[in-house]
């Protein structure tokens, strides 16, 4: 009954004594509110005394119960469950205390309102500009921020998978005439920190290939359309005078037994080449088979499923975790140009048909190093990747190349201060990207970023012939074909329309 009386008294105080107050308080109202606050204080004191008395009685009962049972912890838990009223009273006291504080603050608020009104107006004016700049910046930041932790976690998962997979493949192929695998290199937008489609990310890695012992790679330049292409000729070399592993004296050219052994087992020349040239499709086919077989010996195979997807120039597969979580991984194969960051890669090209013995020049590793360099120099809240992602997202389903906009952004990142890519400059940078692309369309010229460009960061290692080469125009086809130029302008107008819709309609 005591508890019910307390609750009934509190209900009376809250419903009968507290009257609505307008925005302006006269002296009589203030006095009446102060009287009610004092009455609430007295009521709180009375309630607190009752709580103390009940708590003391409860402690006596608990001590007796503990002496009788000998299980102190069980008594305490049972007591807390049986006497929940104490917690209810404590909650009521907190409510009363908050109400008193609110009434006292409200009664004094009109006196402070006039003093603070002028300063509030000034603060609002100072913050208005930043708020306006943040609104559009937050438009594209939020979707990325919601997924960035998941992407980082998935990137680490991919690293772990590839480390184990490469280790197994290296051991399986260590005593064969197949190419030597080196550590996979992370490339592509997912590892650069952005992705055209956040809901469908592909994690790409480039696996460098070295010639097996007794073989050598010769790089033969092919046509430029618009990127440089090469063929990789595989030759046998004499190893008689070379230092051999302990206990081995192999030379495929001058040892008939080793030659026969090479012909009987898997061989790069017999299985991966066409007319002595390394074949992209054969290489991809064999590695798809190797990955499928190697997966079975990995501990991950007990809980995760591997699904190899059909691909002519890469090894693409899903790793399924649980019921729905899927990670798409694509392995590209590459041969390094000297000691540079440029590779001949198995990647697809924009050409309608690429011969299987043609390996296009890839700048994916150099691009990865470039964006890491920018990240190390830029401010933590730099928005250059957000701008790039928004523009590329507007291109999805269009003929304009993603690499075109990526090239434009890389040029701008090296020709203007990185401090200008702060979120408050978000719309200005988007406008710069559009204007730069428009200027390139008018001139029918967009120079490749890594060829004959003095603004490439020094830590990116380029082959000497690329440094001394003439600039490569990625829009050369526009100058040669007026119809393509007209199509490019239509695509440009569509890009502007989609950007506007994404910014202001969120679609």
Protein backbone atom coordinates (compact mmCIF):
# COMPACT_ATOMS: atom_id res chain seq x y z
CA UNK A 1 0.00 0.00 0.00
CA UNK A 2 2.85 2.37 0.77
CA UNK A 3 4.13 2.04 -2.79
CA UNK A 4 0.71 2.72 -4.26
CA UNK A 5 0.33 5.81 -2.08
CA UNK A 6 3.66 7.11 -3.33
CA UNK A 7 2.74 6.62 -6.97
CA UNK A 8 -0.66 8.20 -6.42
CA UNK A 9 0.97 11.21 -4.75
CA UNK A 10 3.44 11.63 -7.59
CA UNK A 11 0.64 11.39 -10.13
CA UNK A 12 -1.24 14.16 -8.29
CA UNK A 13 1.85 16.36 -8.27
CA UNK A 14 2.51 15.87 -11.97
CA UNK A 15 -1.08 16.23 -13.19
CA UNK A 16 -2.72 18.64 -10.78
CA UNK A 17 0.06 20.98 -9.72
CA UNK A 18 1.89 21.51 -13.00
CA UNK A 19 -0.04 23.90 -15.22
CA UNK A 20 0.84 24.86 -18.80
CA UNK A 21 2.91 27.99 -19.09
CA UNK A 22 3.10 30.32 -22.04
CA UNK A 23 6.20 31.70 -23.66
CA UNK A 24 6.16 34.79 -21.41
CA UNK A 25 6.03 34.48 -17.60
CA UNK A 26 4.74 37.21 -15.26
CA UNK A 27 5.80 37.63 -11.64
CA UNK A 28 2.73 35.86 -10.23
CA UNK A 29 3.37 32.81 -12.43
CA UNK A 30 7.02 32.67 -11.43
CA UNK A 31 6.15 32.80 -7.72
CA UNK A 32 3.56 30.06 -8.19
CA UNK A 33 6.09 27.89 -10.03
CA UNK A 34 8.73 28.42 -7.36
CA UNK A 35 6.20 27.43 -4.68
CA UNK A 36 5.43 24.26 -6.60
CA UNK A 37 9.12 23.53 -6.98
CA UNK A 38 9.58 23.86 -3.20
CA UNK A 39 6.59 21.57 -2.66
CA UNK A 40 8.17 19.06 -5.03
CA UNK A 41 11.40 19.25 -3.06
CA UNK A 42 9.53 18.53 0.15
CA UNK A 43 7.70 15.63 -1.50
CA UNK A 44 11.00 14.26 -2.76
CA UNK A 45 12.48 14.47 0.72
CA UNK A 46 9.49 12.58 2.17
CA UNK A 47 9.70 9.93 -0.51
CA UNK A 48 13.43 9.56 -0.01
CA UNK A 49 12.93 9.02 3.72
CA UNK A 50 10.42 6.30 3.01
CA UNK A 51 12.85 4.71 0.59
CA UNK A 52 15.59 4.79 3.23
CA UNK A 53 13.31 3.17 5.76
CA UNK A 54 12.26 0.48 3.32
CA UNK A 55 15.88 -0.10 2.31
CA UNK A 56 16.91 -0.50 5.96
CA UNK A 57 14.10 -2.99 6.56
CA UNK A 58 15.12 -4.79 3.39
CA UNK A 59 18.75 -5.05 4.50
CA UNK A 60 17.64 -6.57 7.81
CA UNK A 61 15.54 -9.14 5.97
CA UNK A 62 18.42 -9.90 3.61
CA UNK A 63 20.87 -10.42 6.47
CA UNK A 64 18.47 -12.81 8.17
CA UNK A 65 17.88 -14.61 4.90
CA UNK A 66 21.63 -14.92 4.26
CA UNK A 67 22.24 -16.30 7.74
CA UNK A 68 19.55 -18.91 7.19
CA UNK A 69 20.49 -20.01 3.69
CA UNK A 70 24.27 -19.50 3.50
CA UNK A 71 24.03 -18.62 -0.19
CA UNK A 72 24.55 -14.85 -0.19
CA UNK A 73 24.54 -14.38 -3.94
CA UNK A 74 21.24 -16.20 -4.44
CA UNK A 75 19.64 -14.15 -1.68
CA UNK A 76 20.72 -10.89 -3.23
CA UNK A 77 19.39 -11.81 -6.67
CA UNK A 78 16.10 -13.08 -5.24
CA UNK A 79 15.76 -9.97 -3.12
CA UNK A 80 16.30 -7.71 -6.10
CA UNK A 81 13.67 -9.56 -8.08
CA UNK A 82 11.15 -9.61 -5.25
CA UNK A 83 11.54 -5.98 -4.26
CA UNK A 84 11.48 -4.22 -7.56
CA UNK A 85 9.55 -1.43 -5.91
CA UNK A 86 12.79 0.18 -4.75
CA UNK A 87 13.90 0.57 -8.33
CA UNK A 88 10.52 2.02 -9.25
CA UNK A 89 10.76 4.58 -6.44
CA UNK A 90 14.27 5.50 -7.57
CA UNK A 91 12.96 6.11 -11.07
CA UNK A 92 10.19 8.32 -9.70
CA UNK A 93 12.75 10.32 -7.69
CA UNK A 94 14.83 10.88 -10.81
CA UNK A 95 11.70 12.05 -12.63
CA UNK A 96 10.83 14.47 -9.83
CA UNK A 97 14.35 15.82 -9.67
CA UNK A 98 14.35 16.41 -13.43
CA UNK A 99 10.98 18.15 -13.22
CA UNK A 100 12.20 20.50 -10.48
CA UNK A 101 15.31 21.35 -12.45
CA UNK A 102 13.21 22.00 -15.56
CA UNK A 103 10.79 24.29 -13.71
CA UNK A 104 13.58 26.32 -12.16
CA UNK A 105 15.37 26.65 -15.50
CA UNK A 106 12.15 27.65 -17.26
CA UNK A 107 11.33 30.30 -14.68
CA UNK A 108 14.71 31.97 -15.33
CA UNK A 109 14.79 31.46 -19.08
CA UNK A 110 13.10 34.77 -20.08
CA UNK A 111 15.84 36.69 -18.28
CA UNK A 112 18.51 34.91 -20.30
CA UNK A 113 16.67 34.89 -23.59
CA UNK A 114 17.23 38.56 -24.39
CA UNK A 115 20.92 38.36 -23.45
CA UNK A 116 21.61 35.36 -25.67
CA UNK A 117 19.43 36.28 -28.67
CA UNK A 118 22.00 38.56 -30.27
CA UNK A 119 24.85 36.08 -29.87
CA UNK A 120 22.69 33.26 -31.23
CA UNK A 121 21.95 35.22 -34.39
CA UNK A 122 25.66 35.85 -34.93
CA UNK A 123 26.53 32.18 -34.42
CA UNK A 124 23.81 31.09 -36.85
CA UNK A 125 25.16 33.47 -39.50
CA UNK A 126 28.71 32.16 -38.99
CA UNK A 127 27.63 28.53 -39.28
CA UNK A 128 25.16 28.96 -42.13
CA UNK A 129 27.81 28.88 -44.83
CA UNK A 130 29.40 25.67 -43.52
CA UNK A 131 26.00 24.00 -43.11
CA UNK A 132 25.08 24.76 -46.70
CA UNK A 133 28.38 23.34 -47.90
CA UNK A 134 27.96 20.24 -45.78
CA UNK A 135 24.47 19.40 -47.00
CA UNK A 136 25.54 18.34 -50.49
CA UNK A 137 28.78 16.90 -49.20
CA UNK A 138 26.89 14.63 -46.84
CA UNK A 139 24.70 13.54 -49.74
CA UNK A 140 27.37 11.27 -51.10
CA UNK A 141 29.35 10.71 -47.93
CA UNK A 142 26.63 8.85 -46.07
CA UNK A 143 26.25 5.86 -48.43
CA UNK A 144 30.02 5.35 -48.40
CA UNK A 145 30.35 5.77 -44.64
CA UNK A 146 27.68 3.12 -44.09
CA UNK A 147 29.71 0.59 -46.08
CA UNK A 148 33.33 1.59 -45.44
CA UNK A 149 33.74 -0.70 -42.43
CA UNK A 150 32.27 -3.65 -44.32
CA UNK A 151 34.53 -2.95 -47.27
CA UNK A 152 37.63 -2.77 -45.05
CA UNK A 153 36.64 -6.04 -43.44
CA UNK A 154 36.07 -7.69 -46.83
CA UNK A 155 39.41 -6.36 -48.11
CA UNK A 156 41.15 -8.04 -45.20
CA UNK A 157 39.22 -11.25 -45.86
CA UNK A 158 40.36 -11.17 -49.49
CA UNK A 159 43.98 -10.62 -48.40
CA UNK A 160 43.82 -13.62 -46.08
CA UNK A 161 42.27 -15.83 -48.76
CA UNK A 162 44.84 -14.84 -51.38
CA UNK A 163 47.78 -15.27 -49.03
CA UNK A 164 46.76 -18.87 -48.31
CA UNK A 165 45.83 -19.59 -51.93
CA UNK A 166 49.09 -18.26 -53.37
CA UNK A 167 51.05 -20.22 -50.76
CA UNK A 168 49.36 -23.46 -51.82
CA UNK A 169 49.80 -22.75 -55.55
CA UNK A 170 53.47 -21.87 -55.08
CA UNK A 171 54.08 -25.21 -53.40
CA UNK A 172 52.06 -27.18 -55.96
CA UNK A 173 53.91 -25.59 -58.92
CA UNK A 174 57.34 -25.29 -57.29
CA UNK A 175 58.82 -28.33 -59.11
CA UNK A 176 57.22 -27.70 -62.48
CA UNK A 177 57.86 -25.70 -65.63
CA UNK A 178 54.91 -23.44 -64.96
CA UNK A 179 55.34 -19.70 -64.29
CA UNK A 180 56.50 -18.74 -60.81
CA UNK A 181 53.80 -16.94 -58.84
CA UNK A 182 54.65 -13.88 -56.74
CA UNK A 183 52.61 -12.18 -54.05
CA UNK A 184 49.31 -10.81 -55.38
CA UNK A 185 49.09 -7.02 -55.69
CA UNK A 186 45.87 -5.23 -54.77
CA UNK A 187 44.55 -3.13 -57.65
CA UNK A 188 41.28 -1.58 -58.76
CA UNK A 189 38.73 0.75 -57.25
CA UNK A 190 37.80 -1.42 -54.25
CA UNK A 191 41.35 -1.26 -52.87
CA UNK A 192 41.78 2.38 -53.93
CA UNK A 193 38.93 3.36 -51.62
CA UNK A 194 36.02 3.81 -54.01
CA UNK A 195 33.80 1.68 -56.22
CA UNK A 196 31.33 2.47 -59.02
CA UNK A 197 28.73 0.16 -57.45
CA UNK A 198 28.94 -0.15 -53.66
CA UNK A 199 26.39 -2.95 -53.67
CA UNK A 200 28.37 -5.07 -56.15
CA UNK A 201 32.11 -4.72 -55.50
CA UNK A 202 34.75 -6.75 -57.33
CA UNK A 203 38.04 -7.23 -55.47
CA UNK A 204 40.77 -7.38 -58.11
CA UNK A 205 44.32 -8.54 -57.60
CA UNK A 206 47.19 -8.82 -60.04
CA UNK A 207 49.37 -11.95 -59.71
CA UNK A 208 52.85 -11.30 -61.16
CA UNK A 209 54.27 -14.18 -63.22
CA UNK A 210 57.99 -14.88 -63.44
CA UNK A 211 59.47 -17.29 -65.99
CA UNK A 212 60.25 -20.75 -64.56
CA UNK A 213 63.87 -21.87 -64.21
CA UNK A 214 65.47 -22.41 -67.59
CA UNK A 215 63.07 -20.02 -69.37
CA UNK A 216 63.02 -16.34 -70.21
CA UNK A 217 60.32 -13.83 -71.25
CA UNK A 218 60.87 -11.52 -74.24
CA UNK A 219 58.43 -8.59 -74.49
CA UNK A 220 57.56 -7.69 -78.08
CA UNK A 221 55.62 -4.43 -78.66
CA UNK A 222 52.34 -4.70 -80.53
CA UNK A 223 49.87 -2.15 -81.91
CA UNK A 224 48.75 0.92 -79.94
CA UNK A 225 44.94 1.10 -79.96
CA UNK A 226 44.62 3.23 -77.89
CA UNK A 227 46.78 1.56 -75.20
CA UNK A 228 50.10 -0.16 -75.81
CA UNK A 229 49.99 -3.93 -76.30
CA UNK A 230 52.70 -6.59 -76.14
CA UNK A 231 53.27 -10.23 -76.91
CA UNK A 232 55.32 -12.33 -74.47
CA UNK A 233 57.65 -14.79 -76.20
CA UNK A 234 58.85 -17.69 -74.03
CA UNK A 235 62.30 -19.13 -74.73
CA UNK A 236 64.52 -21.81 -73.21
CA UNK A 237 67.91 -20.69 -71.90
CA UNK A 238 71.01 -22.64 -70.98
CA UNK A 239 71.47 -23.03 -67.22
CA UNK A 240 74.62 -25.12 -67.29
CA UNK A 241 76.78 -22.30 -66.01
CA UNK A 242 74.21 -20.95 -63.56
CA UNK A 243 74.13 -21.71 -59.87
CA UNK A 244 71.63 -24.52 -59.30
CA UNK A 245 69.68 -25.53 -56.21
CA UNK A 246 71.46 -28.01 -53.95
CA UNK A 247 71.68 -31.47 -55.52
CA UNK A 248 70.36 -30.38 -58.94
CA UNK A 249 72.20 -29.91 -62.23
CA UNK A 250 69.31 -29.36 -64.61
CA UNK A 251 69.46 -27.77 -68.03
CA UNK A 252 66.53 -28.27 -70.35
CA UNK A 253 68.65 -27.45 -73.40
CA UNK A 254 71.60 -29.77 -72.80
CA UNK A 255 70.25 -32.55 -70.57
CA UNK A 256 68.15 -35.11 -72.48
CA UNK A 257 66.73 -36.59 -69.27
CA UNK A 258 65.51 -33.22 -68.07
CA UNK A 259 64.11 -32.48 -71.52
CA UNK A 260 62.15 -35.72 -71.44
CA UNK A 261 61.00 -34.99 -67.89
CA UNK A 262 59.84 -31.53 -68.98
CA UNK A 263 57.87 -32.97 -71.87
CA UNK A 264 56.17 -35.53 -69.63
CA UNK A 265 55.04 -33.03 -66.98
CA UNK A 266 53.16 -29.73 -67.20
CA UNK A 267 55.12 -27.19 -69.21
CA UNK A 268 54.71 -23.50 -69.89
CA UNK A 269 55.69 -23.95 -73.54
CA UNK A 270 53.49 -26.97 -74.15
CA UNK A 271 50.44 -26.01 -72.08
CA UNK A 272 50.34 -22.21 -71.77
CA UNK A 273 51.77 -20.98 -75.06
CA UNK A 274 50.60 -20.62 -78.65
CA UNK A 275 53.51 -20.61 -81.12
CA UNK A 276 55.93 -19.90 -78.24
CA UNK A 277 53.89 -16.88 -77.09
CA UNK A 278 52.26 -16.89 -73.67
CA UNK A 279 48.53 -17.31 -74.21
CA UNK A 280 46.16 -15.36 -71.95
CA UNK A 281 43.22 -17.72 -72.33
CA UNK A 282 45.24 -20.88 -71.72
CA UNK A 283 46.83 -19.29 -68.66
CA UNK A 284 43.45 -18.27 -67.26
CA UNK A 285 41.99 -21.74 -67.92
CA UNK A 286 44.79 -23.55 -66.09
CA UNK A 287 44.71 -21.23 -63.10
CA UNK A 288 40.96 -21.59 -62.79
CA UNK A 289 41.55 -25.32 -62.52
CA UNK A 290 44.42 -24.85 -60.02
CA UNK A 291 42.33 -22.56 -57.80
CA UNK A 292 39.41 -24.98 -57.79
CA UNK A 293 41.65 -27.88 -56.75
CA UNK A 294 43.74 -25.91 -54.25
CA UNK A 295 40.64 -24.61 -52.45
CA UNK A 296 39.88 -28.10 -51.17
CA UNK A 297 43.01 -28.18 -48.98
CA UNK A 298 42.39 -24.77 -47.40
CA UNK A 299 40.83 -24.64 -43.91
CA UNK A 300 38.36 -22.06 -45.27
CA UNK A 301 36.72 -24.68 -47.49
CA UNK A 302 35.01 -26.23 -44.45
CA UNK A 303 32.84 -23.13 -43.89
CA UNK A 304 33.04 -21.17 -47.16
CA UNK A 305 32.10 -22.21 -50.68
CA UNK A 306 34.07 -21.47 -53.83
CA UNK A 307 32.31 -20.89 -57.17
CA UNK A 308 34.59 -20.39 -60.16
CA UNK A 309 33.00 -18.21 -62.83
CA UNK A 310 33.64 -18.47 -66.58
CA UNK A 311 36.21 -15.97 -67.80
CA UNK A 312 38.52 -15.91 -70.83
CA UNK A 313 41.25 -13.60 -69.54
CA UNK A 314 41.18 -13.88 -65.73
CA UNK A 315 40.35 -16.18 -62.85
CA UNK A 316 37.09 -14.95 -61.34
CA UNK A 317 35.33 -16.65 -58.46
CA UNK A 318 32.82 -16.14 -55.66
CA UNK A 319 33.57 -16.97 -52.04
CA UNK A 320 30.27 -17.52 -50.23
CA UNK A 321 30.18 -17.02 -46.46
CA UNK A 322 27.12 -18.35 -44.67
CA UNK A 323 23.84 -18.19 -46.55
CA UNK A 324 24.01 -14.87 -48.40
CA UNK A 325 27.38 -13.12 -47.98
CA UNK A 326 29.33 -13.35 -51.25
CA UNK A 327 32.70 -11.82 -52.11
CA UNK A 328 33.64 -11.55 -55.78
CA UNK A 329 37.38 -11.89 -56.42
CA UNK A 330 39.10 -11.53 -59.78
CA UNK A 331 42.71 -12.58 -60.36
CA UNK A 332 44.53 -10.91 -63.23
CA UNK A 333 47.91 -12.17 -64.38
CA UNK A 334 50.78 -9.87 -65.29
CA UNK A 335 54.38 -9.74 -66.37
CA UNK A 336 56.38 -6.83 -64.99
CA UNK A 337 58.18 -4.43 -67.31
CA UNK A 338 61.65 -4.45 -65.79
CA UNK A 339 61.59 -3.11 -62.23
CA UNK A 340 58.79 -0.62 -62.91
CA UNK A 341 55.22 -0.37 -61.66
CA UNK A 342 53.90 -1.11 -65.16
CA UNK A 343 52.77 -4.63 -66.07
CA UNK A 344 51.58 -6.47 -69.12
CA UNK A 345 48.24 -7.75 -67.93
CA UNK A 346 45.59 -10.27 -68.89
CA UNK A 347 42.87 -7.65 -68.39
CA UNK A 348 40.15 -7.04 -70.94
CA UNK A 349 40.51 -4.17 -73.38
CA UNK A 350 38.00 -1.87 -75.01
CA UNK A 351 38.75 -3.39 -78.41
CA UNK A 352 36.06 -5.56 -79.94
CA UNK A 353 38.55 -8.40 -80.32
CA UNK A 354 41.90 -8.95 -78.59
CA UNK A 355 44.05 -11.92 -79.67
CA UNK A 356 44.75 -14.39 -76.89
CA UNK A 357 48.51 -13.86 -77.27
CA UNK A 358 48.16 -10.07 -76.83
CA UNK A 359 48.83 -8.65 -73.36
CA UNK A 360 47.77 -4.98 -72.95
CA UNK A 361 49.91 -2.67 -70.88
CA UNK A 362 48.35 -2.14 -67.44
CA UNK A 363 48.80 0.86 -65.17
CA UNK A 364 46.68 -0.58 -62.36
CA UNK A 365 49.60 -0.94 -59.93
CA UNK A 366 50.80 2.60 -60.69
CA UNK A 367 47.26 3.92 -60.17
CA UNK A 368 47.03 2.15 -56.83
CA UNK A 369 50.32 3.74 -55.73
CA UNK A 370 49.11 7.11 -56.99
CA UNK A 371 45.93 7.10 -54.89
CA UNK A 372 47.87 5.90 -51.85
CA UNK A 373 50.27 8.81 -52.39
CA UNK A 374 47.37 11.27 -52.60
CA UNK A 375 45.81 9.80 -49.45
CA UNK A 376 49.09 10.28 -47.56
CA UNK A 377 49.30 13.94 -48.65
CA UNK A 378 45.64 15.00 -48.50
CA UNK A 379 43.62 16.00 -45.47
CA UNK A 380 41.67 13.21 -43.73
CA UNK A 381 38.34 14.62 -44.91
CA UNK A 382 39.40 15.02 -48.53
CA UNK A 383 36.53 14.41 -50.96
CA UNK A 384 38.46 13.50 -54.13
CA UNK A 385 37.34 9.86 -54.04
CA UNK A 386 33.73 10.89 -53.41
CA UNK A 387 33.83 13.14 -56.47
CA UNK A 388 35.30 10.37 -58.60
CA UNK A 389 32.75 7.84 -57.40
CA UNK A 390 29.82 10.15 -58.03
CA UNK A 391 30.96 10.91 -61.58
CA UNK A 392 31.65 7.26 -62.41
CA UNK A 393 28.32 6.25 -60.91
CA UNK A 394 26.67 8.63 -63.35
CA UNK A 395 28.35 6.81 -66.24
CA UNK A 396 27.03 3.33 -65.47
CA UNK A 397 25.40 1.88 -68.55
CA UNK A 398 26.91 4.50 -70.85
CA UNK A 399 29.68 4.31 -73.47
CA UNK A 400 31.95 6.82 -71.76
CA UNK A 401 34.88 4.95 -70.22
CA UNK A 402 35.32 4.87 -66.45
CA UNK A 403 39.03 5.24 -67.13
CA UNK A 404 38.32 8.55 -68.88
CA UNK A 405 36.93 10.16 -65.74
CA UNK A 406 39.59 8.52 -63.60
CA UNK A 407 42.24 10.10 -65.84
CA UNK A 408 40.56 13.52 -65.55
CA UNK A 409 40.52 13.32 -61.74
CA UNK A 410 44.17 12.21 -61.58
CA UNK A 411 45.20 15.19 -63.74
CA UNK A 412 43.26 17.60 -61.50
CA UNK A 413 44.71 16.10 -58.31
CA UNK A 414 48.21 16.99 -59.51
CA UNK A 415 47.41 20.45 -60.90
CA UNK A 416 45.58 22.00 -57.95
CA UNK A 417 46.36 22.05 -54.20
CA UNK A 418 45.03 19.05 -52.31
CA UNK A 419 43.61 21.42 -49.69
CA UNK A 420 41.05 22.47 -52.31
CA UNK A 421 39.45 19.02 -52.19
CA UNK A 422 37.90 19.66 -48.79
CA UNK A 423 34.21 18.78 -48.43
CA UNK A 424 33.19 22.44 -48.49
CA UNK A 425 34.60 22.60 -52.06
CA UNK A 426 32.61 19.56 -53.15
CA UNK A 427 30.45 21.28 -55.79
CA UNK A 428 33.36 23.36 -57.06
CA UNK A 429 35.47 20.27 -57.68
CA UNK A 430 32.59 18.52 -59.45
CA UNK A 431 32.31 21.56 -61.68
CA UNK A 432 36.07 21.45 -62.35
CA UNK A 433 35.83 17.79 -63.40
CA UNK A 434 32.98 18.53 -65.79
CA UNK A 435 34.76 21.58 -67.27
CA UNK A 436 38.00 19.66 -67.74
CA UNK A 437 36.17 16.88 -69.56
CA UNK A 438 34.29 19.42 -71.67
CA UNK A 439 37.57 21.12 -72.64
CA UNK A 440 39.07 17.76 -73.64
CA UNK A 441 36.05 17.01 -75.82
CA UNK A 442 36.36 20.38 -77.52
CA UNK A 443 40.07 19.81 -78.17
CA UNK A 444 39.52 16.10 -78.97
CA UNK A 445 42.47 15.42 -76.71
CA UNK A 446 42.83 13.76 -73.29
CA UNK A 447 46.42 12.82 -72.53
CA UNK A 448 47.20 9.58 -70.75
CA UNK A 449 48.24 10.33 -67.16
CA UNK A 450 51.34 8.12 -66.91
CA UNK A 451 52.83 8.64 -70.39
CA UNK A 452 55.08 11.69 -70.85
CA UNK A 453 53.58 13.43 -67.80
CA UNK A 454 55.97 15.38 -65.57
CA UNK A 455 53.39 15.56 -62.77
CA UNK A 456 53.53 11.83 -61.97
CA UNK A 457 54.75 11.44 -58.33
CA UNK A 458 58.40 10.40 -58.06
CA UNK A 459 57.71 7.24 -56.05
CA UNK A 460 55.88 5.73 -59.04
CA UNK A 461 58.49 3.91 -61.14
CA UNK A 462 57.92 4.13 -64.89
CA UNK A 463 59.88 2.50 -67.73
CA UNK A 464 62.29 4.88 -69.41
CA UNK A 465 60.52 4.61 -72.76
CA UNK A 466 57.26 5.79 -71.16
CA UNK A 467 58.98 8.81 -69.68
CA UNK A 468 60.49 9.79 -73.02
CA UNK A 469 57.50 8.85 -75.17
CA UNK A 470 55.16 11.32 -76.81
CA UNK A 471 51.86 12.02 -75.01
CA UNK A 472 49.20 9.41 -75.74
CA UNK A 473 45.83 10.93 -76.70
CA UNK A 474 42.98 8.82 -75.32
CA UNK A 475 40.54 10.82 -77.51
CA UNK A 476 42.37 10.14 -80.75
CA UNK A 477 39.37 8.21 -82.06
CA UNK A 478 37.22 11.38 -81.74
CA UNK A 479 39.57 13.29 -84.00
CA UNK A 480 39.48 10.50 -86.58
CA UNK A 481 35.72 9.88 -86.57
CA UNK A 482 33.22 12.80 -86.49
CA UNK A 483 30.35 10.44 -85.70
CA UNK A 484 32.10 9.26 -82.54
CA UNK A 485 32.63 12.85 -81.48
CA UNK A 486 28.92 13.57 -81.85
CA UNK A 487 28.14 10.50 -79.77
CA UNK A 488 30.64 11.68 -77.14
CA UNK A 489 28.85 15.02 -76.81
CA UNK A 490 25.53 13.25 -76.34
CA UNK A 491 27.14 11.12 -73.63
CA UNK A 492 28.51 14.27 -72.02
CA UNK A 493 25.06 15.85 -71.88
CA UNK A 494 23.68 12.63 -70.38
CA UNK A 495 26.45 12.75 -67.76
CA UNK A 496 25.45 16.28 -66.78
CA UNK A 497 21.81 15.25 -66.51
CA UNK A 498 22.59 12.23 -64.34
CA UNK A 499 24.89 14.22 -62.08
CA UNK A 500 22.17 16.78 -61.51
CA UNK A 501 19.63 14.07 -60.77
CA UNK A 502 21.98 12.31 -58.34
CA UNK A 503 22.76 15.53 -56.50
CA UNK A 504 19.28 16.90 -56.13
CA UNK A 505 16.97 13.91 -56.47
CA UNK A 506 19.24 11.24 -54.97
CA UNK A 507 18.64 8.91 -57.96
